[in-house]
């Protein structure tokens, strides 16, 4: 099972670990594309703070994020699972998983990123600010920048099993499973049951809880149909909106009354 996650907008501080070693990151086939983004981002933030803030869509109150980006090559690194914070990651609670569940997380979780493309939760990275919606002056829109290298690398990373796609739309634009991989991919939408509406907090928290439940239970669904059964066994109310046709992902709705 491969689980595709969005990053968090806010991130923990880089810490005092060893500086970034781009060549040590997972999915080495993304290395050239990563270096291109890293180089332009660092140069932009080091040269013109106001322009960088405008390009990155940062408010005056987030001006310090520009300096953080300028220092990416020398900043300390921490596992990506510690860098990403926010509602989804709080609910996922990687740090409190038992040893077996942590091993499953290391194998199965892939976090998408405007800067890195995609990383494992064990990859050591510095804190940064660069969403997939950014359009860099040289490289252009990052989602477009990542499409070709992702198309080369991600099908292999997906292996032969289930792909559980929990990304937001901006990050899903960087890679869309196609063909046979799409047929064993499931996307999940979380709805507030009484209103049948998507509510951001319910959506993010429930997705984190779903991943945690699968990891702690040791569930290993091989395809979307088995995922539906696994989630129901774990107590989730799941509706199948669109079973995959040829080369199309499954679309699942998870209904929740409230999130604790």
Protein backbone atom coordinates (compact mmCIF):
# COMPACT_ATOMS: atom_id res chain seq x y z
CA UNK A 1 0.00 0.00 0.00
CA UNK A 2 1.25 3.47 -0.90
CA UNK A 3 -0.43 6.41 0.84
CA UNK A 4 -0.12 9.83 -0.83
CA UNK A 5 -0.35 12.76 1.60
CA UNK A 6 -0.32 16.53 1.23
CA UNK A 7 2.26 18.45 3.28
CA UNK A 8 1.30 20.94 5.95
CA UNK A 9 1.49 24.67 5.31
CA UNK A 10 2.97 25.29 8.73
CA UNK A 11 6.05 23.31 9.68
CA UNK A 12 8.16 22.61 12.73
CA UNK A 13 11.56 24.26 13.00
CA UNK A 14 14.50 22.60 11.28
CA UNK A 15 16.26 21.67 14.50
CA UNK A 16 19.94 20.97 14.94
CA UNK A 17 20.39 17.92 12.77
CA UNK A 18 22.92 17.58 9.97
CA UNK A 19 22.35 19.86 6.96
CA UNK A 20 20.37 18.71 3.95
CA UNK A 21 21.89 16.01 1.75
CA UNK A 22 19.67 16.01 -1.35
CA UNK A 23 21.24 12.81 -2.64
CA UNK A 24 20.04 10.96 0.48
CA UNK A 25 16.35 11.57 -0.18
CA UNK A 26 14.07 8.77 -1.35
CA UNK A 27 12.97 8.61 -4.99
CA UNK A 28 16.37 9.62 -6.41
CA UNK A 29 14.83 9.89 -9.86
CA UNK A 30 13.40 13.23 -8.68
CA UNK A 31 16.88 14.53 -7.84
CA UNK A 32 17.43 16.76 -10.85
CA UNK A 33 13.99 18.35 -10.54
CA UNK A 34 14.54 18.87 -6.80
CA UNK A 35 17.86 20.60 -7.38
CA UNK A 36 16.29 22.95 -9.90
CA UNK A 37 13.59 24.08 -7.45
CA UNK A 38 16.00 24.27 -4.52
CA UNK A 39 18.50 26.39 -6.44
CA UNK A 40 15.94 28.90 -7.71
CA UNK A 41 14.14 29.12 -4.37
CA UNK A 42 17.32 29.72 -2.37
CA UNK A 43 18.66 32.25 -4.88
CA UNK A 44 15.34 34.13 -5.03
CA UNK A 45 15.00 34.34 -1.25
CA UNK A 46 18.61 35.38 -0.75
CA UNK A 47 18.52 38.10 -3.43
CA UNK A 48 15.20 39.92 -3.00
CA UNK A 49 13.08 39.45 0.10
CA UNK A 50 10.11 41.47 -1.13
CA UNK A 51 9.99 39.72 -4.50
CA UNK A 52 10.34 36.34 -2.82
CA UNK A 53 7.48 37.14 -0.45
CA UNK A 54 5.30 38.11 -3.40
CA UNK A 55 6.18 34.96 -5.38
CA UNK A 56 5.55 32.71 -2.39
CA UNK A 57 2.31 34.49 -1.46
CA UNK A 58 3.47 35.33 2.05
CA UNK A 59 2.04 38.06 4.25
CA UNK A 60 4.19 40.62 6.05
CA UNK A 61 3.86 38.54 9.18
CA UNK A 62 5.53 35.60 7.43
CA UNK A 63 8.54 37.57 6.22
CA UNK A 64 10.85 35.35 8.30
CA UNK A 65 9.95 32.41 6.05
CA UNK A 66 11.98 34.04 3.25
CA UNK A 67 15.15 34.01 5.34
CA UNK A 68 14.44 30.40 6.27
CA UNK A 69 14.31 29.46 2.58
CA UNK A 70 17.53 31.37 1.84
CA UNK A 71 19.34 29.16 4.36
CA UNK A 72 17.97 25.80 3.20
CA UNK A 73 21.34 24.36 2.16
CA UNK A 74 22.87 24.86 5.61
CA UNK A 75 19.85 24.47 7.90
CA UNK A 76 19.58 21.42 10.11
CA UNK A 77 17.41 18.55 8.96
CA UNK A 78 14.82 16.41 10.71
CA UNK A 79 12.70 13.49 9.50
CA UNK A 80 9.90 14.80 7.29
CA UNK A 81 7.41 13.16 9.64
CA UNK A 82 8.58 15.60 12.34
CA UNK A 83 8.72 18.66 10.05
CA UNK A 84 5.11 18.44 8.85
CA UNK A 85 2.54 19.57 11.43
CA UNK A 86 -1.10 20.65 11.38
CA UNK A 87 -4.49 18.97 11.69
CA UNK A 88 -3.82 15.90 9.52
CA UNK A 89 -0.43 15.18 11.05
CA UNK A 90 -1.68 15.79 14.60
CA UNK A 91 -4.39 13.19 14.00
CA UNK A 92 -1.93 10.80 12.38
CA UNK A 93 0.39 11.09 15.40
CA UNK A 94 3.48 9.46 13.90
CA UNK A 95 5.56 9.92 17.04
CA UNK A 96 3.13 7.93 19.20
CA UNK A 97 2.83 4.92 16.88
CA UNK A 98 4.24 1.64 18.11
CA UNK A 99 7.39 0.26 16.47
CA UNK A 100 5.58 -1.96 13.98
CA UNK A 101 3.26 0.83 12.86
CA UNK A 102 6.23 3.18 12.47
CA UNK A 103 7.88 0.67 10.16
CA UNK A 104 4.70 0.49 8.11
CA UNK A 105 4.59 4.30 7.96
CA UNK A 106 8.17 4.44 6.72
CA UNK A 107 7.34 2.01 3.92
CA UNK A 108 3.96 3.30 2.85
CA UNK A 109 3.65 7.07 3.43
CA UNK A 110 4.70 9.53 0.73
CA UNK A 111 4.33 13.27 1.37
CA UNK A 112 4.05 15.53 -1.67
CA UNK A 113 5.89 18.86 -1.70
CA UNK A 114 6.33 21.87 -3.94
CA UNK A 115 10.05 21.85 -3.12
CA UNK A 116 10.96 18.17 -2.90
CA UNK A 117 8.35 16.62 -5.17
CA UNK A 118 7.64 13.79 -2.76
CA UNK A 119 9.48 12.42 0.29
CA UNK A 120 9.20 9.55 2.73
CA UNK A 121 8.44 10.46 6.34
CA UNK A 122 11.92 9.21 7.28
CA UNK A 123 13.72 11.50 4.81
CA UNK A 124 15.66 14.23 6.62
CA UNK A 125 14.73 17.70 5.37
CA UNK A 126 14.90 21.26 6.73
CA UNK A 127 11.83 23.36 7.41
CA UNK A 128 10.80 25.39 4.34
CA UNK A 129 7.98 27.38 2.77
CA UNK A 130 7.07 26.60 -0.84
CA UNK A 131 3.63 25.30 -1.77
CA UNK A 132 2.76 23.42 -4.94
CA UNK A 133 0.74 26.46 -6.06
CA UNK A 134 3.85 28.63 -6.34
CA UNK A 135 4.98 29.88 -9.75
CA UNK A 136 8.72 30.55 -9.71
CA UNK A 137 10.02 33.19 -12.15
CA UNK A 138 12.34 30.74 -13.90
CA UNK A 139 10.76 27.30 -13.58
CA UNK A 140 7.14 28.44 -13.74
CA UNK A 141 4.27 26.67 -12.01
CA UNK A 142 5.62 23.95 -9.74
CA UNK A 143 2.81 21.48 -10.42
CA UNK A 144 3.79 21.60 -14.09
CA UNK A 145 7.49 21.33 -13.25
CA UNK A 146 6.90 18.09 -11.35
CA UNK A 147 4.60 16.32 -13.80
CA UNK A 148 7.22 14.76 -16.09
CA UNK A 149 9.62 13.50 -13.40
CA UNK A 150 6.71 12.27 -11.29
CA UNK A 151 5.32 10.36 -14.26
CA UNK A 152 8.68 8.58 -14.54
CA UNK A 153 9.20 7.81 -10.85
CA UNK A 154 5.83 7.36 -9.14
CA UNK A 155 4.50 4.31 -11.01
CA UNK A 156 7.49 2.32 -9.77
CA UNK A 157 7.03 3.66 -6.22
CA UNK A 158 3.38 2.58 -6.39
CA UNK A 159 4.45 -1.02 -6.88
CA UNK A 160 1.65 -3.50 -7.54
CA UNK A 161 -0.68 -2.73 -4.64
CA UNK A 162 -3.23 -0.20 -3.47
CA UNK A 163 -2.58 3.53 -3.87
CA UNK A 164 -4.53 5.54 -1.29
CA UNK A 165 -4.58 9.13 -2.52
CA UNK A 166 -5.36 11.63 0.25
CA UNK A 167 -3.78 14.68 -1.40
CA UNK A 168 -5.45 18.05 -1.82
CA UNK A 169 -6.14 19.24 -5.37
CA UNK A 170 -3.00 21.38 -5.69
CA UNK A 171 -0.74 18.43 -4.93
CA UNK A 172 -2.78 15.94 -6.93
CA UNK A 173 -2.07 18.12 -9.98
CA UNK A 174 1.61 17.12 -9.84
CA UNK A 175 0.88 13.44 -10.51
CA UNK A 176 -2.30 11.73 -11.58
CA UNK A 177 -2.19 7.92 -11.62
CA UNK A 178 -2.94 6.54 -15.05
CA UNK A 179 -3.81 3.23 -16.62
CA UNK A 180 -3.36 0.16 -14.47
CA UNK A 181 -2.11 2.18 -11.48
CA UNK A 182 -5.24 4.36 -11.57
CA UNK A 183 -7.41 1.26 -11.45
CA UNK A 184 -5.97 0.34 -8.04
CA UNK A 185 -6.05 3.89 -6.70
CA UNK A 186 -8.68 5.17 -4.28
CA UNK A 187 -9.35 8.83 -3.50
CA UNK A 188 -11.16 9.75 -0.30
CA UNK A 189 -13.52 12.61 0.42
CA UNK A 190 -14.62 13.21 4.02
CA UNK A 191 -18.15 14.52 4.47
CA UNK A 192 -19.90 15.87 7.55
CA UNK A 193 -22.72 13.34 7.64
CA UNK A 194 -25.57 15.65 8.77
CA UNK A 195 -24.88 18.19 6.01
CA UNK A 196 -23.12 16.06 3.37
CA UNK A 197 -20.60 18.88 2.98
CA UNK A 198 -16.82 18.86 3.00
CA UNK A 199 -15.51 20.72 6.07
CA UNK A 200 -11.78 21.37 6.10
CA UNK A 201 -11.16 20.35 9.70
CA UNK A 202 -13.23 17.16 9.43
CA UNK A 203 -11.50 16.35 6.15
CA UNK A 204 -7.92 16.73 7.39
CA UNK A 205 -8.38 15.21 10.82
CA UNK A 206 -10.32 12.21 9.56
CA UNK A 207 -7.74 11.49 6.86
CA UNK A 208 -5.06 11.49 9.54
CA UNK A 209 -7.15 9.16 11.70
CA UNK A 210 -7.78 6.84 8.75
CA UNK A 211 -4.07 6.47 8.06
CA UNK A 212 -3.31 5.93 11.74
CA UNK A 213 -6.04 3.28 11.98
CA UNK A 214 -4.66 1.39 8.99
CA UNK A 215 -1.10 1.56 10.31
CA UNK A 216 -1.91 0.49 13.87
CA UNK A 217 -4.25 -2.28 12.75
CA UNK A 218 -1.69 -3.64 10.31
CA UNK A 219 -4.31 -3.63 7.58
CA UNK A 220 -2.86 -4.36 4.15
CA UNK A 221 -5.62 -3.93 1.56
CA UNK A 222 -4.37 -4.85 -1.89
CA UNK A 223 -6.94 -2.89 -3.87
CA UNK A 224 -9.75 -0.33 -3.37
CA UNK A 225 -12.39 -2.98 -2.76
CA UNK A 226 -10.34 -4.44 0.10
CA UNK A 227 -9.75 -0.91 1.41
CA UNK A 228 -13.50 -0.33 1.67
CA UNK A 229 -13.88 -3.51 3.70
CA UNK A 230 -10.87 -2.68 5.89
CA UNK A 231 -12.22 0.79 6.69
CA UNK A 232 -15.66 -0.56 7.50
CA UNK A 233 -14.07 -3.17 9.77
CA UNK A 234 -12.27 -0.30 11.52
CA UNK A 235 -15.58 1.42 12.18
CA UNK A 236 -15.73 3.98 9.36
CA UNK A 237 -18.89 4.63 7.38
CA UNK A 238 -17.81 4.41 3.74
CA UNK A 239 -19.78 4.95 0.56
CA UNK A 240 -18.41 4.07 -2.86
CA UNK A 241 -19.27 6.90 -5.23
CA UNK A 242 -17.41 5.77 -8.33
CA UNK A 243 -15.82 2.32 -8.62
CA UNK A 244 -13.01 2.45 -11.12
CA UNK A 245 -13.71 1.81 -14.73
CA UNK A 246 -10.82 1.06 -17.04
CA UNK A 247 -7.94 3.22 -15.92
CA UNK A 248 -9.95 5.29 -13.44
CA UNK A 249 -9.52 5.63 -9.65
CA UNK A 250 -12.18 4.68 -7.14
CA UNK A 251 -13.88 7.58 -5.37
CA UNK A 252 -14.84 6.93 -1.74
CA UNK A 253 -16.78 9.07 0.73
CA UNK A 254 -16.17 8.67 4.45
CA UNK A 255 -19.04 10.09 6.54
CA UNK A 256 -18.36 11.54 10.00
CA UNK A 257 -20.59 13.18 12.59
CA UNK A 258 -17.78 14.81 14.53
CA UNK A 259 -14.04 14.62 15.01
CA UNK A 260 -12.49 14.14 18.44
